[in-house]
Structures are given as structure tokens and as C-alpha cells.
Amino acid sequence: MGRGGDPLADPKPLVRRVYAYVAYRIGDGPDAEDVTSETFERALRYKHSYDRSKGEPAAWVIGIARRCLASNPPPSQSLDQVPDAPGATDLEEESVRRVDLHAGLATLAQRDRELLALRYGGDLTAAQIGRLLDMGTNAVEVALYRARERLTAALAGVDDGESAKPGAEAVRN
């Protein structure tokens, strides 16, 4: 076993976080379930390589999920659905919100979608995201702030188009 014990000792919260991250990236449903299953299959196979000094189990498993998505994206990979928000009471209002969020996310660059999925789908901190993406914590916080701003603008129908321009992010950072 790697340094730090069994990263899968308490799998239930990890499964929820990985599924939420994957669903944020590709939508709810069977494809997200398949990627989540593949992630935990790999995690079980390689749990001996887990090193607690390099991060929490959640970040380690979400890193595996990222590699699963990158190496074998599901054929129906899209942003067709966004995970359900807990406690939604008005179905019509919630449906409109989800459609709007989908449309807003679709306008963002891949990097912005990934950052938002890691933060809000995977519930990772800026420091954990930084370790996964080889970025400083402050750089992650700034990039997340900008991604949220672009998403807010897109949701308001005021997409300035910057996220769609190749290289625009490099100029802003």
C-alpha cells in the first residue's frame, strides 16, 4: 500500500463527488455512471500508488476521473444535462435554470468548464485543483473568478465572445 493508508476506506462520499464531477462535465445518466465505475475500477487497481502527502483521496480519485474522461470520452459526451440541485421545489423554474446553465456552460472555453467542474462538481478546493492542474493556488482562484464572471455574463446574455477566441485566455492571464 502507498503512503497514507487506503484512499478508498470510505468510498461513499468519494463516489458521490466523482459522479457529480463527471456529470458536471458530460451530463447525468448512464455515461456518467460508466465513467464513475471506470474511475473506481482504476482506483482499486492502483490504490497501492496513493500517496497522502500529494493530496486528499477525493482529489486523487477525481484526477483518475479526469484521465478516464480524457482517454475515453463517452460517445454522447455533451453538456446536455447538469446535475440536479438539491432541494429544488419548483420543477418548471428548475428546468429553466438547468437549460440556461447548460447554454451558459456551452459558451465557455474547455479550460473554464474544467475548472468549474472541478470546483463545483468535484467540490475540490483551489489548492487541490492547483495540484491536479499543476497551477498555483492563487492562479486557480483567479482563473475560477474569471470563469465565473464569463459564465455570469453568458447567463445574462452578455457573452463578450472572449472565451471562444483561441488564445484569449493566455492573454488575460
C-alpha atoms as a PDB file:
ATOM      1  CA  MET A   1       0.000   0.000   0.000  1.00  0.00           C
ATOM      2  CA  GLY A   2       1.235   3.525  -0.758  1.00  0.00           C
ATOM      3  CA  ARG A   3       1.982   6.072   1.932  1.00  0.00           C
ATOM      4  CA  GLY A   4      -1.114   7.188   3.783  1.00  0.00           C
ATOM      5  CA  GLY A   5      -3.340   4.147   4.034  1.00  0.00           C
ATOM      6  CA  ASP A   6      -6.310   3.112   1.967  1.00  0.00           C
ATOM      7  CA  PRO A   7      -7.711   6.054  -0.031  1.00  0.00           C
ATOM      8  CA  LEU A   8     -10.902   4.077  -0.624  1.00  0.00           C
ATOM      9  CA  ALA A   9     -11.599   3.268   3.032  1.00  0.00           C
ATOM     10  CA  ASP A  10     -14.743   5.449   2.950  1.00  0.00           C
ATOM     11  CA  PRO A  11     -15.908   5.174  -0.686  1.00  0.00           C
ATOM     12  CA  LYS A  12     -19.485   6.504  -0.412  1.00  0.00           C
ATOM     13  CA  PRO A  13     -18.640  10.251  -0.323  1.00  0.00           C
ATOM     14  CA  LEU A  14     -15.953   9.713  -2.962  1.00  0.00           C
ATOM     15  CA  VAL A  15     -18.430   8.057  -5.323  1.00  0.00           C
ATOM     16  CA  ARG A  16     -20.823  10.998  -4.912  1.00  0.00           C
ATOM     17  CA  ARG A  17     -18.102  13.561  -5.595  1.00  0.00           C
ATOM     18  CA  VAL A  18     -16.708  11.731  -8.605  1.00  0.00           C
ATOM     19  CA  TYR A  19     -20.164  11.228 -10.082  1.00  0.00           C
ATOM     20  CA  ALA A  20     -21.002  14.918  -9.503  1.00  0.00           C
ATOM     21  CA  TYR A  21     -17.762  15.968 -11.232  1.00  0.00           C
ATOM     22  CA  VAL A  22     -18.326  13.643 -14.185  1.00  0.00           C
ATOM     23  CA  ALA A  23     -21.991  14.630 -14.506  1.00  0.00           C
ATOM     24  CA  TYR A  24     -20.957  18.279 -14.452  1.00  0.00           C
ATOM     25  CA  ARG A  25     -18.616  17.539 -17.374  1.00  0.00           C
ATOM     26  CA  ILE A  26     -20.703  15.169 -19.538  1.00  0.00           C
ATOM     27  CA  GLY A  27     -24.225  15.188 -18.137  1.00  0.00           C
ATOM     28  CA  ASP A  28     -26.216  12.970 -15.828  1.00  0.00           C
ATOM     29  CA  GLY A  29     -27.038   9.400 -16.676  1.00  0.00           C
ATOM     30  CA  PRO A  30     -25.530   6.165 -17.954  1.00  0.00           C
ATOM     31  CA  ASP A  31     -22.377   7.709 -19.446  1.00  0.00           C
ATOM     32  CA  ALA A  32     -21.563   9.428 -16.149  1.00  0.00           C
ATOM     33  CA  GLU A  33     -22.227   6.171 -14.306  1.00  0.00           C
ATOM     34  CA  ASP A  34     -19.887   4.303 -16.685  1.00  0.00           C
ATOM     35  CA  VAL A  35     -17.071   6.827 -16.227  1.00  0.00           C
ATOM     36  CA  THR A  36     -17.565   6.762 -12.453  1.00  0.00           C
ATOM     37  CA  SER A  37     -17.380   2.953 -12.486  1.00  0.00           C
ATOM     38  CA  GLU A  38     -14.248   3.008 -14.643  1.00  0.00           C
ATOM     39  CA  THR A  39     -12.706   5.557 -12.285  1.00  0.00           C
ATOM     40  CA  PHE A  40     -13.212   3.331  -9.244  1.00  0.00           C
ATOM     41  CA  GLU A  41     -12.053   0.253 -11.126  1.00  0.00           C
ATOM     42  CA  ARG A  42      -8.779   2.062 -11.841  1.00  0.00           C
ATOM     43  CA  ALA A  43      -8.620   3.434  -8.295  1.00  0.00           C
ATOM     44  CA  LEU A  44      -8.941  -0.081  -6.861  1.00  0.00           C
ATOM     45  CA  ARG A  45      -6.299  -1.362  -9.251  1.00  0.00           C
ATOM     46  CA  TYR A  46      -3.843   1.413  -8.373  1.00  0.00           C
ATOM     47  CA  LYS A  47      -4.697   2.229  -4.753  1.00  0.00           C
ATOM     48  CA  HIS A  48      -1.258   0.980  -3.713  1.00  0.00           C
ATOM     49  CA  SER A  49       0.208   4.019  -5.518  1.00  0.00           C
ATOM     50  CA  TYR A  50      -1.809   6.541  -3.475  1.00  0.00           C
ATOM     51  CA  ASP A  51       0.411   8.945  -1.522  1.00  0.00           C
ATOM     52  CA  ARG A  52      -1.410  11.041   1.092  1.00  0.00           C
ATOM     53  CA  SER A  53       1.388  13.619   1.036  1.00  0.00           C
ATOM     54  CA  LYS A  54       0.341  14.516  -2.531  1.00  0.00           C
ATOM     55  CA  GLY A  55      -3.297  15.215  -1.661  1.00  0.00           C
ATOM     56  CA  GLU A  56      -6.591  14.034  -0.269  1.00  0.00           C
ATOM     57  CA  PRO A  57      -8.299  10.861  -1.547  1.00  0.00           C
ATOM     58  CA  ALA A  58     -11.036  12.934  -3.264  1.00  0.00           C
ATOM     59  CA  ALA A  59      -8.514  14.862  -5.350  1.00  0.00           C
ATOM     60  CA  TRP A  60      -6.676  11.639  -6.202  1.00  0.00           C
ATOM     61  CA  VAL A  61      -9.843   9.896  -7.385  1.00  0.00           C
ATOM     62  CA  ILE A  62     -11.057  12.947  -9.327  1.00  0.00           C
ATOM     63  CA  GLY A  63      -7.654  13.050 -11.012  1.00  0.00           C
ATOM     64  CA  ILE A  64      -8.302   9.478 -12.123  1.00  0.00           C
ATOM     65  CA  ALA A  65     -11.755  10.519 -13.386  1.00  0.00           C
ATOM     66  CA  ARG A  66     -10.147  13.323 -15.426  1.00  0.00           C
ATOM     67  CA  ARG A  67      -7.827  10.795 -17.056  1.00  0.00           C
ATOM     68  CA  CYS A  68     -10.762   8.457 -17.753  1.00  0.00           C
ATOM     69  CA  LEU A  69     -12.626  11.276 -19.485  1.00  0.00           C
ATOM     70  CA  ALA A  70      -9.548  12.325 -21.452  1.00  0.00           C
ATOM     71  CA  SER A  71      -8.572   8.825 -22.576  1.00  0.00           C
ATOM     72  CA  ASN A  72     -12.003   7.543 -23.497  1.00  0.00           C
ATOM     73  CA  PRO A  73     -14.714  10.205 -23.727  1.00  0.00           C
ATOM     74  CA  PRO A  74     -18.210   8.751 -23.884  1.00  0.00           C
ATOM     75  CA  PRO A  75     -19.709   8.861 -27.395  1.00  0.00           C
ATOM     76  CA  SER A  76     -22.554  11.064 -26.217  1.00  0.00           C
ATOM     77  CA  GLN A  77     -20.250  13.416 -24.298  1.00  0.00           C
ATOM     78  CA  SER A  78     -22.034  16.732 -24.091  1.00  0.00           C
ATOM     79  CA  LEU A  79     -23.373  19.253 -21.670  1.00  0.00           C
ATOM     80  CA  ASP A  80     -26.943  18.099 -22.303  1.00  0.00           C
ATOM     81  CA  GLN A  81     -27.662  17.834 -18.626  1.00  0.00           C
ATOM     82  CA  VAL A  82     -26.397  19.438 -15.461  1.00  0.00           C
ATOM     83  CA  PRO A  83     -26.600  17.567 -12.140  1.00  0.00           C
ATOM     84  CA  ASP A  84     -29.730  18.193 -10.092  1.00  0.00           C
ATOM     85  CA  ALA A  85     -29.539  20.872  -7.467  1.00  0.00           C
ATOM     86  CA  PRO A  86     -30.549  19.560  -4.045  1.00  0.00           C
ATOM     87  CA  GLY A  87     -33.874  20.774  -2.718  1.00  0.00           C
ATOM     88  CA  ALA A  88     -35.305  22.159  -5.963  1.00  0.00           C
ATOM     89  CA  THR A  89     -39.004  22.717  -5.329  1.00  0.00           C
ATOM     90  CA  ASP A  90     -40.361  24.364  -8.466  1.00  0.00           C
ATOM     91  CA  LEU A  91     -39.844  21.914 -11.351  1.00  0.00           C
ATOM     92  CA  GLU A  92     -40.543  24.466 -14.093  1.00  0.00           C
ATOM     93  CA  GLU A  93     -38.202  27.062 -12.624  1.00  0.00           C
ATOM     94  CA  GLU A  94     -35.526  24.421 -12.038  1.00  0.00           C
ATOM     95  CA  SER A  95     -35.832  23.189 -15.634  1.00  0.00           C
ATOM     96  CA  VAL A  96     -35.379  26.708 -16.987  1.00  0.00           C
ATOM     97  CA  ARG A  97     -32.359  27.224 -14.715  1.00  0.00           C
ATOM     98  CA  ARG A  98     -30.757  23.993 -15.930  1.00  0.00           C
ATOM     99  CA  VAL A  99     -31.327  24.849 -19.590  1.00  0.00           C
ATOM    100  CA  ASP A 100     -29.869  28.323 -19.023  1.00  0.00           C
ATOM    101  CA  LEU A 101     -26.867  26.889 -17.168  1.00  0.00           C
ATOM    102  CA  HIS A 102     -26.279  24.382 -19.969  1.00  0.00           C
ATOM    103  CA  ALA A 103     -26.395  27.162 -22.555  1.00  0.00           C
ATOM    104  CA  GLY A 104     -24.041  29.316 -20.473  1.00  0.00           C
ATOM    105  CA  LEU A 105     -21.536  26.497 -19.927  1.00  0.00           C
ATOM    106  CA  ALA A 106     -21.588  25.669 -23.646  1.00  0.00           C
ATOM    107  CA  THR A 107     -20.271  29.170 -24.429  1.00  0.00           C
ATOM    108  CA  LEU A 108     -17.224  28.735 -22.199  1.00  0.00           C
ATOM    109  CA  ALA A 109     -13.808  27.520 -23.237  1.00  0.00           C
ATOM    110  CA  GLN A 110     -12.876  23.956 -22.283  1.00  0.00           C
ATOM    111  CA  ARG A 111     -10.497  25.220 -19.570  1.00  0.00           C
ATOM    112  CA  ASP A 112     -13.264  27.241 -17.907  1.00  0.00           C
ATOM    113  CA  ARG A 113     -15.671  24.276 -17.994  1.00  0.00           C
ATOM    114  CA  GLU A 114     -12.987  22.023 -16.479  1.00  0.00           C
ATOM    115  CA  LEU A 115     -12.192  24.475 -13.679  1.00  0.00           C
ATOM    116  CA  LEU A 116     -15.870  24.948 -12.828  1.00  0.00           C
ATOM    117  CA  ALA A 117     -16.473  21.176 -12.920  1.00  0.00           C
ATOM    118  CA  LEU A 118     -13.540  20.513 -10.582  1.00  0.00           C
ATOM    119  CA  ARG A 119     -14.655  23.233  -8.170  1.00  0.00           C
ATOM    120  CA  TYR A 120     -18.413  22.770  -8.150  1.00  0.00           C
ATOM    121  CA  GLY A 121     -18.884  19.243  -9.500  1.00  0.00           C
ATOM    122  CA  GLY A 122     -15.910  17.680  -7.730  1.00  0.00           C
ATOM    123  CA  ASP A 123     -16.104  20.050  -4.745  1.00  0.00           C
ATOM    124  CA  LEU A 124     -12.328  20.499  -4.759  1.00  0.00           C
ATOM    125  CA  THR A 125     -10.568  23.455  -3.177  1.00  0.00           C
ATOM    126  CA  ALA A 126      -8.387  25.797  -5.214  1.00  0.00           C
ATOM    127  CA  ALA A 127      -5.300  24.174  -3.679  1.00  0.00           C
ATOM    128  CA  GLN A 128      -6.465  20.687  -4.696  1.00  0.00           C
ATOM    129  CA  ILE A 129      -7.265  21.894  -8.218  1.00  0.00           C
ATOM    130  CA  GLY A 130      -3.850  23.528  -8.383  1.00  0.00           C
ATOM    131  CA  ARG A 131      -2.133  20.242  -7.556  1.00  0.00           C
ATOM    132  CA  LEU A 132      -4.195  18.426 -10.205  1.00  0.00           C
ATOM    133  CA  LEU A 133      -3.549  21.013 -12.909  1.00  0.00           C
ATOM    134  CA  ASP A 134      -0.005  21.962 -11.850  1.00  0.00           C
ATOM    135  CA  MET A 135      -1.039  25.534 -11.068  1.00  0.00           C
ATOM    136  CA  GLY A 136      -0.544  27.762  -8.059  1.00  0.00           C
ATOM    137  CA  THR A 137      -3.497  28.181  -5.721  1.00  0.00           C
ATOM    138  CA  ASN A 138      -3.724  31.898  -6.473  1.00  0.00           C
ATOM    139  CA  ALA A 139      -3.692  31.231 -10.237  1.00  0.00           C
ATOM    140  CA  VAL A 140      -6.557  28.756  -9.778  1.00  0.00           C
ATOM    141  CA  GLU A 141      -8.555  31.273  -7.731  1.00  0.00           C
ATOM    142  CA  VAL A 142      -8.062  33.960 -10.377  1.00  0.00           C
ATOM    143  CA  ALA A 143      -8.955  31.558 -13.210  1.00  0.00           C
ATOM    144  CA  LEU A 144     -12.073  30.413 -11.317  1.00  0.00           C
ATOM    145  CA  TYR A 145     -13.107  34.006 -10.695  1.00  0.00           C
ATOM    146  CA  ARG A 146     -12.755  34.792 -14.393  1.00  0.00           C
ATOM    147  CA  ALA A 147     -14.596  31.616 -15.412  1.00  0.00           C
ATOM    148  CA  ARG A 148     -17.474  32.505 -13.062  1.00  0.00           C
ATOM    149  CA  GLU A 149     -17.546  36.040 -14.466  1.00  0.00           C
ATOM    150  CA  ARG A 150     -17.734  34.697 -18.026  1.00  0.00           C
ATOM    151  CA  LEU A 151     -20.459  32.265 -17.011  1.00  0.00           C
ATOM    152  CA  THR A 152     -22.397  35.045 -15.298  1.00  0.00           C
ATOM    153  CA  ALA A 153     -22.095  37.201 -18.414  1.00  0.00           C
ATOM    154  CA  ALA A 154     -23.216  34.306 -20.604  1.00  0.00           C
ATOM    155  CA  LEU A 155     -26.180  33.613 -18.337  1.00  0.00           C
ATOM    156  CA  ALA A 156     -27.119  37.283 -18.553  1.00  0.00           C
ATOM    157  CA  GLY A 157     -26.972  37.038 -22.350  1.00  0.00           C
ATOM    158  CA  VAL A 158     -23.962  39.320 -22.485  1.00  0.00           C
ATOM    159  CA  ASP A 159     -21.299  36.878 -23.684  1.00  0.00           C
ATOM    160  CA  ASP A 160     -18.438  39.047 -24.875  1.00  0.00           C
ATOM    161  CA  GLY A 161     -17.116  36.180 -27.028  1.00  0.00           C
ATOM    162  CA  GLU A 162     -13.662  36.247 -25.396  1.00  0.00           C
ATOM    163  CA  SER A 163     -13.882  32.649 -24.203  1.00  0.00           C
ATOM    164  CA  ALA A 164     -14.499  31.482 -27.761  1.00  0.00           C
ATOM    165  CA  LYS A 165     -11.346  33.140 -29.149  1.00  0.00           C
ATOM    166  CA  PRO A 166      -8.324  30.806 -29.246  1.00  0.00           C
ATOM    167  CA  GLY A 167      -5.555  32.207 -27.086  1.00  0.00           C
ATOM    168  CA  ALA A 168      -7.777  34.780 -25.382  1.00  0.00           C
ATOM    169  CA  GLU A 169      -7.208  33.119 -22.005  1.00  0.00           C
ATOM    170  CA  ALA A 170      -3.426  33.262 -22.413  1.00  0.00           C
ATOM    171  CA  VAL A 171      -3.644  36.995 -22.992  1.00  0.00           C
ATOM    172  CA  ARG A 172      -5.795  37.536 -19.890  1.00  0.00           C
ATOM    173  CA  ASN A 173      -3.541  35.555 -17.526  1.00  0.00           C
END
